[in-house]
């Protein structure tokens, strides 16, 4: 069964300091791969951006603070 979580849940997780794909997945309660796929979609829609740091991706929202 597919996991259904809103974009806002992912954006909130990022705003609360969960910035790696794994941290965001844990905060939302989904598998890392599911989080990566949703974050990739959010990136395509201009809501988040990513930065590669070592072997990890760090995500942040594109909204003004």
C-alpha atoms as a PDB file:
ATOM      1  CA  UNK A   1       0.000   0.000   0.000  1.00  0.00           C
ATOM      2  CA  UNK A   2       1.481   3.394  -0.947  1.00  0.00           C
ATOM      3  CA  UNK A   3       2.364   5.806   1.818  1.00  0.00           C
ATOM      4  CA  UNK A   4       0.345   9.016   1.784  1.00  0.00           C
ATOM      5  CA  UNK A   5       1.946  12.040   3.368  1.00  0.00           C
ATOM      6  CA  UNK A   6       1.472  15.666   2.412  1.00  0.00           C
ATOM      7  CA  UNK A   7       4.137  17.925   0.969  1.00  0.00           C
ATOM      8  CA  UNK A   8       3.737  20.028   4.110  1.00  0.00           C
ATOM      9  CA  UNK A   9       4.870  17.105   6.271  1.00  0.00           C
ATOM     10  CA  UNK A  10       8.126  16.955   4.312  1.00  0.00           C
ATOM     11  CA  UNK A  11       8.597  20.732   4.351  1.00  0.00           C
ATOM     12  CA  UNK A  12       7.902  20.863   8.086  1.00  0.00           C
ATOM     13  CA  UNK A  13      10.450  18.114   8.728  1.00  0.00           C
ATOM     14  CA  UNK A  14      13.070  20.142   6.834  1.00  0.00           C
ATOM     15  CA  UNK A  15      12.182  23.356   8.686  1.00  0.00           C
ATOM     16  CA  UNK A  16      12.520  21.522  12.005  1.00  0.00           C
ATOM     17  CA  UNK A  17      16.152  20.710  11.229  1.00  0.00           C
ATOM     18  CA  UNK A  18      15.863  17.282   9.609  1.00  0.00           C
ATOM     19  CA  UNK A  19      17.888  17.875   6.489  1.00  0.00           C
ATOM     20  CA  UNK A  20      19.330  14.610   5.203  1.00  0.00           C
ATOM     21  CA  UNK A  21      17.132  12.235   3.245  1.00  0.00           C
ATOM     22  CA  UNK A  22      17.287   9.680   6.080  1.00  0.00           C
ATOM     23  CA  UNK A  23      16.441  12.256   8.769  1.00  0.00           C
ATOM     24  CA  UNK A  24      13.470  13.499   6.754  1.00  0.00           C
ATOM     25  CA  UNK A  25      12.293   9.924   6.137  1.00  0.00           C
ATOM     26  CA  UNK A  26      12.450   9.191   9.884  1.00  0.00           C
ATOM     27  CA  UNK A  27      10.623  12.405  10.782  1.00  0.00           C
ATOM     28  CA  UNK A  28       7.822  11.770   8.279  1.00  0.00           C
ATOM     29  CA  UNK A  29       7.680   8.040   8.987  1.00  0.00           C
ATOM     30  CA  UNK A  30       8.477   6.660   5.530  1.00  0.00           C
ATOM     31  CA  UNK A  31      11.218   4.593   3.928  1.00  0.00           C
ATOM     32  CA  UNK A  32      14.303   6.513   2.784  1.00  0.00           C
ATOM     33  CA  UNK A  33      13.595   5.730  -0.878  1.00  0.00           C
ATOM     34  CA  UNK A  34      10.018   7.038  -0.564  1.00  0.00           C
ATOM     35  CA  UNK A  35      11.335  10.240   1.018  1.00  0.00           C
ATOM     36  CA  UNK A  36      13.928  10.645  -1.740  1.00  0.00           C
ATOM     37  CA  UNK A  37      11.283  10.274  -4.455  1.00  0.00           C
ATOM     38  CA  UNK A  38       8.975  12.849  -2.828  1.00  0.00           C
ATOM     39  CA  UNK A  39      11.865  15.254  -2.202  1.00  0.00           C
ATOM     40  CA  UNK A  40      12.911  14.909  -5.841  1.00  0.00           C
ATOM     41  CA  UNK A  41       9.357  15.858  -6.889  1.00  0.00           C
ATOM     42  CA  UNK A  42       9.371  18.808  -4.496  1.00  0.00           C
ATOM     43  CA  UNK A  43      12.678  19.893  -6.036  1.00  0.00           C
ATOM     44  CA  UNK A  44      11.219  19.702  -9.547  1.00  0.00           C
ATOM     45  CA  UNK A  45       8.355  21.898  -8.314  1.00  0.00           C
ATOM     46  CA  UNK A  46      10.790  24.465  -6.881  1.00  0.00           C
ATOM     47  CA  UNK A  47       9.870  23.915  -3.220  1.00  0.00           C
ATOM     48  CA  UNK A  48      13.201  22.502  -2.032  1.00  0.00           C
ATOM     49  CA  UNK A  49      16.803  22.422  -3.149  1.00  0.00           C
ATOM     50  CA  UNK A  50      19.515  19.887  -2.433  1.00  0.00           C
ATOM     51  CA  UNK A  51      23.224  19.949  -1.794  1.00  0.00           C
ATOM     52  CA  UNK A  52      25.487  16.909  -1.885  1.00  0.00           C
ATOM     53  CA  UNK A  53      27.737  16.655   1.142  1.00  0.00           C
ATOM     54  CA  UNK A  54      29.975  13.595   1.076  1.00  0.00           C
ATOM     55  CA  UNK A  55      27.672  10.636   0.494  1.00  0.00           C
ATOM     56  CA  UNK A  56      24.591  12.458   1.800  1.00  0.00           C
ATOM     57  CA  UNK A  57      22.094  14.890   0.352  1.00  0.00           C
ATOM     58  CA  UNK A  58      21.137  17.904   2.451  1.00  0.00           C
ATOM     59  CA  UNK A  59      17.735  19.381   1.657  1.00  0.00           C
ATOM     60  CA  UNK A  60      16.391  22.847   2.426  1.00  0.00           C
ATOM     61  CA  UNK A  61      13.241  24.726   1.563  1.00  0.00           C
ATOM     62  CA  UNK A  62      13.379  27.459  -1.048  1.00  0.00           C
ATOM     63  CA  UNK A  63      11.024  29.754   0.862  1.00  0.00           C
ATOM     64  CA  UNK A  64      12.326  32.952   2.384  1.00  0.00           C
ATOM     65  CA  UNK A  65      13.079  32.723   6.095  1.00  0.00           C
END
